Amino acid sequence: MIHTVQAKETLFSIAKKYSTTVEQLIKNNGLKSNNLFIGQVLKIGLPLPVQPTSPPSKPTTNSVFDQRNVFQVKKESKGSFNNYVLSFPTPNGMTSTGIMRDNYPSPNLYNKNGVSYIGKSTFDGNISLFSDLCQQPFYIDLLHYIAKNEGCFDAINSYDKAIFSFGFIQFTGALASGSLLTRVLQRFKNRDEYAFNDCFGKYGMNIQNYKTPVFQVDTPAGLKEGDGAYAEVANNLQLTAAFIASGFRRSMIRSQVEVALEEFVLKSLSPTLTINIFGKIINLNQLLKTQGGFVLRVDLAVNRGLGGSLIVLKKAIEQAITESSLNDYTKINERRVVEIVAMNDAEAWKKQRVLKILQSGFNFSK
């Protein structure tokens, strides 16, 4: 049987249509890559019919639940918490390991069975894979600084109300937290469907592209979607391990950076973003325009959302202006704004995170 490639078709979609595999299509047609062109003719390998005299073969299972067994997790009790030693296959055929822990000592602990994992797929080690995405070299430094407070490209947090967070900026799964992780997964699937299937599809996880994309997970009790699907991952360490393994894939790393730039950097630093200061609408880039001011704005947006960050900034800017009796608001002391933001925060960990900006080496000179 042959198939003529149509627009938007991929090896994965064609293999699924004929109940075969991508690997078999590549072998049948001597392909050197996954790239196809419209009108290309592919040979579709079909199984030979079973001879009537042949004894029935013993059925084999290769379900998504069987596939998950490639992720091995060993529990180690540490008294008040547990470590989980994870081993998983890497794209180059090697085996990697990592150690997660539960019962994380955080004031935001919500799911005691959830785990924390800082990760091994570092920002420094992957810059060459995504530097071309950053419109300005400063954006690399900015994202690098924020990643130091969040984790690596394979970092995990499944203990707080975000249900399941993943990646170097801890993209959240819960709908109430914005579900940015769903956007990252959708971007990954759209950019590299073959890699997405290899990381998630064959283990029973998928992104369904409805009007609003939805994350799905196969369970023995049936299909779960949205928050229910992320809760399933948070409480299933084999599924958690699949996310960790995906954090080493080039397409996943680039998808994380693209969404971080779009959602946090470009929105926070937009030239059209305004703020109301003492009843006067002012372009925020006229007030906080140094490197340090930019870092403050993006870091607050990552932690509190864009709307929440503007509330915090308005209060701090007005306080700094009042202290210095400024008539020209554009001459505001941006370092002082950072100090006031930290001073006004009741939570110690947020206060310390903001104060780190002052020791980060970023320039505050206008």
Protein backbone atom coordinates (compact mmCIF):
# COMPACT_ATOMS: atom_id res chain seq x y z
CA MET A 1 0.00 0.00 0.00
CA ILE A 2 1.17 3.53 -0.74
CA HIS A 3 0.21 6.94 0.68
CA THR A 4 0.61 10.36 -0.92
CA VAL A 5 1.58 13.04 1.61
CA GLN A 6 -0.98 15.84 2.02
CA ALA A 7 -0.60 19.33 3.54
CA LYS A 8 0.13 19.39 7.30
CA GLU A 9 0.70 15.64 7.51
CA THR A 10 3.61 14.30 9.55
CA LEU A 11 5.20 10.88 9.89
CA PHE A 12 3.48 10.57 13.25
CA SER A 13 -0.01 11.33 11.91
CA ILE A 14 0.48 9.01 8.91
CA ALA A 15 1.77 6.18 11.11
CA LYS A 16 -1.25 6.59 13.38
CA LYS A 17 -3.62 6.51 10.39
CA TYR A 18 -2.29 3.15 9.20
CA SER A 19 -1.68 1.64 12.66
CA THR A 20 2.05 1.42 12.08
CA THR A 21 5.05 3.22 13.58
CA VAL A 22 7.23 6.14 12.55
CA GLU A 23 10.26 3.87 12.71
CA GLN A 24 8.62 1.41 10.29
CA LEU A 25 7.79 4.20 7.83
CA ILE A 26 11.37 5.45 7.96
CA LYS A 27 12.68 1.91 7.34
CA ASN A 28 10.22 1.15 4.51
CA ASN A 29 11.12 4.32 2.64
CA GLY A 30 14.81 4.73 3.47
CA LEU A 31 14.17 8.18 4.93
CA LYS A 32 17.12 10.15 6.33
CA SER A 33 14.99 12.56 8.42
CA ASN A 34 11.42 13.18 9.58
CA ASN A 35 10.86 15.93 6.98
CA LEU A 36 8.16 15.33 4.35
CA PHE A 37 6.94 17.28 1.32
CA ILE A 38 3.48 17.52 -0.21
CA GLY A 39 3.00 14.88 -2.91
CA GLN A 40 5.71 12.58 -1.58
CA VAL A 41 4.76 8.90 -1.99
CA LEU A 42 5.36 6.62 0.98
CA LYS A 43 5.29 2.84 1.13
CA ILE A 44 3.10 1.61 3.98
CA GLY A 45 4.22 -1.72 5.39
CA LEU A 46 1.34 -4.01 6.34
CA PRO A 47 1.56 -7.17 8.47
CA LEU A 48 1.42 -10.51 6.65
CA PRO A 49 -1.90 -12.38 7.01
CA VAL A 50 -1.92 -15.16 9.58
CA GLN A 51 -1.91 -18.61 7.96
CA PRO A 52 -4.88 -20.77 8.96
CA THR A 53 -2.57 -23.59 10.07
CA SER A 54 -0.49 -21.34 12.33
CA PRO A 55 -1.23 -21.66 16.06
CA PRO A 56 -2.47 -18.46 17.65
CA SER A 57 0.34 -16.45 19.12
CA LYS A 58 0.31 -15.42 22.74
CA PRO A 59 -1.05 -11.87 22.95
CA THR A 60 1.41 -9.27 24.06
CA THR A 61 0.68 -5.98 25.79
CA ASN A 62 2.40 -2.72 25.08
CA SER A 63 -0.03 -0.25 26.62
CA VAL A 64 0.85 3.23 27.80
CA PHE A 65 0.85 1.82 31.32
CA ASP A 66 3.47 -0.80 30.37
CA GLN A 67 5.56 1.86 28.64
CA ARG A 68 5.77 3.88 31.88
CA ASN A 69 7.86 1.13 33.43
CA VAL A 70 10.96 2.56 31.76
CA PHE A 71 10.90 5.07 34.63
CA GLN A 72 12.22 3.43 37.78
CA VAL A 73 11.64 5.09 41.17
CA LYS A 74 13.14 3.89 44.44
CA LYS A 75 11.83 5.26 47.76
CA GLU A 76 14.28 6.11 50.55
CA SER A 77 12.88 7.11 53.96
CA LYS A 78 14.61 10.07 55.59
CA GLY A 79 12.41 10.26 58.67
CA SER A 80 10.25 13.34 58.29
CA PHE A 81 10.35 13.07 54.49
CA ASN A 82 11.19 10.64 51.70
CA ASN A 83 13.68 10.78 48.88
CA TYR A 84 12.81 9.20 45.55
CA VAL A 85 15.74 8.06 43.43
CA LEU A 86 14.71 8.27 39.79
CA SER A 87 16.32 6.61 36.78
CA PHE A 88 15.18 7.18 33.21
CA PRO A 89 16.43 6.77 29.62
CA THR A 90 17.88 9.80 27.83
CA PRO A 91 17.54 10.58 24.10
CA ASN A 92 21.10 9.35 23.46
CA GLY A 93 20.31 5.91 24.87
CA MET A 94 22.00 6.43 28.23
CA THR A 95 20.40 6.29 31.69
CA SER A 96 20.18 9.36 33.91
CA THR A 97 19.28 9.65 37.57
CA GLY A 98 17.91 12.27 39.93
CA ILE A 99 16.67 12.58 43.51
CA MET A 100 13.29 14.10 44.37
CA ARG A 101 11.89 14.65 47.87
CA ASP A 102 8.41 14.98 49.37
CA ASN A 103 7.02 16.86 52.39
CA TYR A 104 8.97 19.94 51.28
CA PRO A 105 9.45 22.49 54.11
CA SER A 106 7.53 25.35 52.52
CA PRO A 107 4.77 27.61 53.88
CA ASN A 108 2.96 26.84 50.61
CA LEU A 109 2.88 23.06 51.15
CA TYR A 110 -0.50 21.82 49.95
CA ASN A 111 0.07 18.28 48.70
CA LYS A 112 2.19 16.32 51.16
CA ASN A 113 2.70 13.61 48.53
CA GLY A 114 3.99 16.15 46.03
CA VAL A 115 7.71 16.37 45.29
CA SER A 116 10.38 18.98 44.74
CA TYR A 117 13.22 18.57 42.26
CA ILE A 118 15.62 21.34 41.25
CA GLY A 119 16.79 19.46 38.14
CA LYS A 120 19.97 18.92 36.17
CA SER A 121 19.21 20.43 32.74
CA THR A 122 20.85 23.75 33.57
CA PHE A 123 20.41 27.19 32.01
CA ASP A 124 24.17 27.62 31.47
CA GLY A 125 24.48 24.26 29.77
CA ASN A 126 21.74 24.97 27.23
CA ILE A 127 22.20 28.63 26.23
CA SER A 128 23.41 27.66 22.75
CA LEU A 129 20.05 25.96 22.11
CA PHE A 130 17.93 29.09 22.58
CA SER A 131 20.10 32.24 22.48
CA ASP A 132 18.74 33.03 19.00
CA LEU A 133 15.25 33.43 20.50
CA CYS A 134 16.29 36.36 22.70
CA GLN A 135 15.84 39.62 20.81
CA GLN A 136 18.35 41.33 23.09
CA PRO A 137 21.40 39.74 24.80
CA PHE A 138 20.20 41.28 28.08
CA TYR A 139 17.16 39.01 28.00
CA ILE A 140 19.47 36.01 28.41
CA ASP A 141 20.98 37.52 31.57
CA LEU A 142 17.52 38.43 32.84
CA LEU A 143 16.10 34.93 32.35
CA HIS A 144 19.28 33.41 33.79
CA TYR A 145 18.87 35.43 36.98
CA ILE A 146 15.21 34.41 37.38
CA ALA A 147 16.04 30.75 36.70
CA LYS A 148 18.44 30.81 39.67
CA ASN A 149 15.41 31.37 41.88
CA GLU A 150 13.24 28.78 40.14
CA GLY A 151 15.13 25.74 38.82
CA CYS A 152 16.45 23.98 35.74
CA PHE A 153 14.63 23.05 32.54
CA ASP A 154 13.65 19.74 34.18
CA ALA A 155 12.72 21.16 37.62
CA ILE A 156 9.54 19.94 39.34
CA ASN A 157 7.23 21.29 42.05
CA SER A 158 4.06 19.34 42.79
CA TYR A 159 3.44 20.30 46.40
CA ASP A 160 1.58 23.64 46.23
CA LYS A 161 -1.77 24.86 44.90
CA ALA A 162 -0.42 25.16 41.36
CA ILE A 163 -0.85 21.33 41.40
CA PHE A 164 2.09 20.65 39.10
CA SER A 165 4.80 23.10 38.03
CA PHE A 166 7.60 22.35 35.62
CA GLY A 167 10.63 24.00 34.03
CA PHE A 168 13.13 26.78 34.53
CA ILE A 169 10.44 29.34 35.42
CA GLN A 170 8.13 26.77 37.04
CA PHE A 171 5.28 26.97 34.55
CA THR A 172 2.09 26.13 36.45
CA GLY A 173 -0.45 23.48 35.53
CA ALA A 174 -3.51 24.55 37.56
CA LEU A 175 -6.10 26.57 35.66
CA ALA A 176 -6.41 28.99 38.59
CA SER A 177 -2.67 29.71 38.28
CA GLY A 178 -2.86 30.43 34.56
CA SER A 179 -1.99 26.92 33.31
CA LEU A 180 1.05 28.20 31.43
CA LEU A 181 2.45 24.68 31.42
CA THR A 182 -0.31 23.71 28.99
CA ARG A 183 0.93 26.44 26.63
CA VAL A 184 4.49 25.14 26.90
CA LEU A 185 3.32 21.60 26.09
CA GLN A 186 1.20 22.84 23.20
CA ARG A 187 4.19 24.76 21.82
CA PHE A 188 6.37 21.65 22.17
CA LYS A 189 3.84 19.49 20.32
CA ASN A 190 3.36 22.03 17.54
CA ARG A 191 7.12 22.50 17.09
CA ASP A 192 8.16 18.84 17.23
CA GLU A 193 5.31 16.32 17.24
CA TYR A 194 7.64 13.34 17.00
CA ALA A 195 9.63 14.40 20.09
CA PHE A 196 6.40 15.21 21.95
CA ASN A 197 5.06 11.74 21.29
CA ASP A 198 8.35 10.21 22.37
CA CYS A 199 8.29 12.20 25.63
CA PHE A 200 4.58 12.15 26.45
CA GLY A 201 2.29 10.53 23.86
CA LYS A 202 3.52 6.97 24.27
CA TYR A 203 3.04 7.27 28.03
CA GLY A 204 -0.60 8.29 27.71
CA MET A 205 -0.25 12.09 27.95
CA ASN A 206 -1.43 14.51 25.30
CA ILE A 207 -2.44 18.08 24.48
CA GLN A 208 -5.83 18.31 22.81
CA ASN A 209 -6.02 21.43 20.67
CA TYR A 210 -9.55 22.58 21.38
CA LYS A 211 -10.28 26.34 21.19
CA THR A 212 -8.36 26.37 24.48
CA PRO A 213 -5.69 23.63 24.65
CA VAL A 214 -6.29 20.97 27.30
CA PHE A 215 -3.78 18.60 28.93
CA GLN A 216 -4.94 14.96 29.06
CA VAL A 217 -3.72 11.82 30.84
CA ASP A 218 -4.81 8.20 30.41
CA THR A 219 -5.48 6.45 33.73
CA PRO A 220 -6.78 2.95 34.54
CA ALA A 221 -10.06 4.66 35.50
CA GLY A 222 -10.31 6.56 32.21
CA LEU A 223 -9.15 9.81 30.63
CA LYS A 224 -8.51 12.83 32.88
CA GLU A 225 -8.24 16.41 31.67
CA GLY A 226 -7.05 19.79 32.94
CA ASP A 227 -6.51 20.08 36.69
CA GLY A 228 -7.45 16.42 37.14
CA ALA A 229 -4.76 15.40 34.65
CA TYR A 230 -2.10 17.51 36.38
CA ALA A 231 -3.13 16.05 39.76
CA GLU A 232 -2.63 12.58 38.27
CA VAL A 233 0.92 13.52 37.22
CA ALA A 234 1.64 15.12 40.61
CA ASN A 235 0.74 11.89 42.39
CA ASN A 236 2.29 9.46 39.91
CA LEU A 237 6.09 9.54 40.07
CA GLN A 238 6.49 7.67 36.78
CA LEU A 239 4.53 10.40 34.98
CA THR A 240 6.52 13.02 36.89
CA ALA A 241 9.68 11.29 35.68
CA ALA A 242 8.48 11.60 32.06
CA PHE A 243 8.39 15.37 32.49
CA ILE A 244 11.90 15.36 33.97
CA ALA A 245 13.21 13.35 31.02
CA SER A 246 11.59 15.80 28.56
CA GLY A 247 13.55 18.66 30.13
CA PHE A 248 16.65 17.52 28.23
CA ARG A 249 14.99 17.75 24.79
CA ARG A 250 15.99 20.68 22.58
CA SER A 251 12.41 21.36 21.47
CA MET A 252 11.12 21.38 25.04
CA ILE A 253 13.86 23.76 26.18
CA ARG A 254 13.13 26.15 23.31
CA SER A 255 9.39 25.96 24.01
CA GLN A 256 9.97 26.96 27.63
CA VAL A 257 12.10 29.94 26.63
CA GLU A 258 9.64 31.09 23.95
CA VAL A 259 6.70 31.09 26.37
CA ALA A 260 8.77 32.78 29.11
CA LEU A 261 9.76 35.57 26.71
CA GLU A 262 6.22 36.05 25.42
CA GLU A 263 4.38 35.82 28.74
CA PHE A 264 6.77 37.53 31.13
CA VAL A 265 9.56 39.50 29.43
CA LEU A 266 7.78 41.07 26.47
CA LYS A 267 4.56 41.77 28.38
CA SER A 268 6.33 43.21 31.43
CA LEU A 269 8.64 45.42 29.37
CA SER A 270 6.14 46.38 26.68
CA PRO A 271 6.58 50.02 25.50
CA THR A 272 2.79 50.44 25.72
CA LEU A 273 2.48 49.34 29.37
CA THR A 274 1.22 52.17 31.59
CA ILE A 275 0.73 52.72 35.31
CA ASN A 276 -1.39 55.18 37.31
CA ILE A 277 0.84 57.27 39.60
CA PHE A 278 -1.00 59.81 41.76
CA GLY A 279 -3.83 59.93 39.20
CA LYS A 280 -1.48 60.43 36.24
CA ILE A 281 -1.15 57.70 33.56
CA ILE A 282 2.56 57.22 32.83
CA ASN A 283 4.42 54.81 30.57
CA LEU A 284 6.20 52.37 32.90
CA ASN A 285 9.32 52.42 30.72
CA GLN A 286 9.74 56.09 31.64
CA LEU A 287 9.95 55.23 35.34
CA LEU A 288 11.71 51.86 35.62
CA LYS A 289 14.07 51.70 32.66
CA THR A 290 17.43 50.49 34.00
CA GLN A 291 18.59 46.88 33.94
CA GLY A 292 17.75 46.52 37.64
CA GLY A 293 14.32 48.05 37.09
CA PHE A 294 13.63 45.65 34.21
CA VAL A 295 14.66 42.64 36.31
CA LEU A 296 12.38 43.76 39.14
CA ARG A 297 9.42 44.09 36.78
CA VAL A 298 9.87 40.68 35.14
CA ASP A 299 10.65 38.87 38.40
CA LEU A 300 7.49 40.25 40.03
CA ALA A 301 5.43 39.20 37.00
CA VAL A 302 6.78 35.64 37.24
CA ASN A 303 5.81 35.39 40.91
CA ARG A 304 2.61 37.44 41.03
CA GLY A 305 1.34 37.78 37.49
CA LEU A 306 1.45 40.98 35.44
CA GLY A 307 -1.58 42.52 37.15
CA GLY A 308 -0.29 41.70 40.62
CA SER A 309 3.14 43.10 39.80
CA LEU A 310 1.64 46.46 38.75
CA ILE A 311 -0.19 46.77 42.07
CA VAL A 312 3.07 46.20 43.96
CA LEU A 313 5.03 48.59 41.72
CA LYS A 314 2.45 51.40 41.96
CA LYS A 315 2.64 51.40 45.77
CA ALA A 316 6.46 51.32 45.81
CA ILE A 317 6.88 54.01 43.13
CA GLU A 318 4.48 56.40 44.83
CA GLN A 319 6.23 55.85 48.16
CA ALA A 320 9.66 56.52 46.61
CA ILE A 321 8.39 59.71 44.94
CA THR A 322 6.87 60.96 48.21
CA GLU A 323 10.09 60.30 50.14
CA SER A 324 12.22 62.29 47.69
CA SER A 325 9.65 65.03 46.90
CA LEU A 326 10.25 64.51 43.17
CA ASN A 327 8.49 66.67 40.62
CA ASP A 328 10.03 64.81 37.69
CA TYR A 329 8.91 61.23 38.23
CA THR A 330 11.28 59.91 35.56
CA LYS A 331 14.22 60.67 37.88
CA ILE A 332 13.00 58.19 40.47
CA ASN A 333 15.66 56.16 42.32
CA GLU A 334 15.02 52.66 41.00
CA ARG A 335 17.24 51.02 43.60
CA ARG A 336 15.04 52.59 46.29
CA VAL A 337 11.94 51.18 44.56
CA VAL A 338 13.43 47.69 44.89
CA GLU A 339 14.10 48.27 48.61
CA ILE A 340 10.54 49.47 49.20
CA VAL A 341 9.02 46.49 47.35
CA ALA A 342 11.01 44.17 49.64
CA MET A 343 10.17 46.19 52.76
CA ASN A 344 6.42 46.12 51.99
CA ASP A 345 6.29 42.32 51.58
CA ALA A 346 5.22 40.36 54.67
CA GLU A 347 6.55 37.00 53.42
CA ALA A 348 10.25 36.55 54.25
CA TRP A 349 11.08 34.44 51.17
CA LYS A 350 9.57 37.03 48.81
CA LYS A 351 11.39 39.83 50.64
CA GLN A 352 14.75 38.05 50.28
CA ARG A 353 14.12 37.25 46.62
CA VAL A 354 13.55 40.93 45.80
CA LEU A 355 16.58 42.06 47.80
CA LYS A 356 18.80 39.68 45.80
CA ILE A 357 18.29 41.97 42.80
CA LEU A 358 20.36 44.63 44.55
CA GLN A 359 23.34 42.24 44.78
CA SER A 360 22.86 40.77 41.31
CA GLY A 361 25.24 43.13 39.50
CA PHE A 362 22.53 44.64 37.28
CA ASN A 363 22.95 48.35 36.51
CA PHE A 364 20.62 50.88 38.22
CA SER A 365 22.10 53.99 36.59
CA LYS A 366 19.66 55.94 34.41
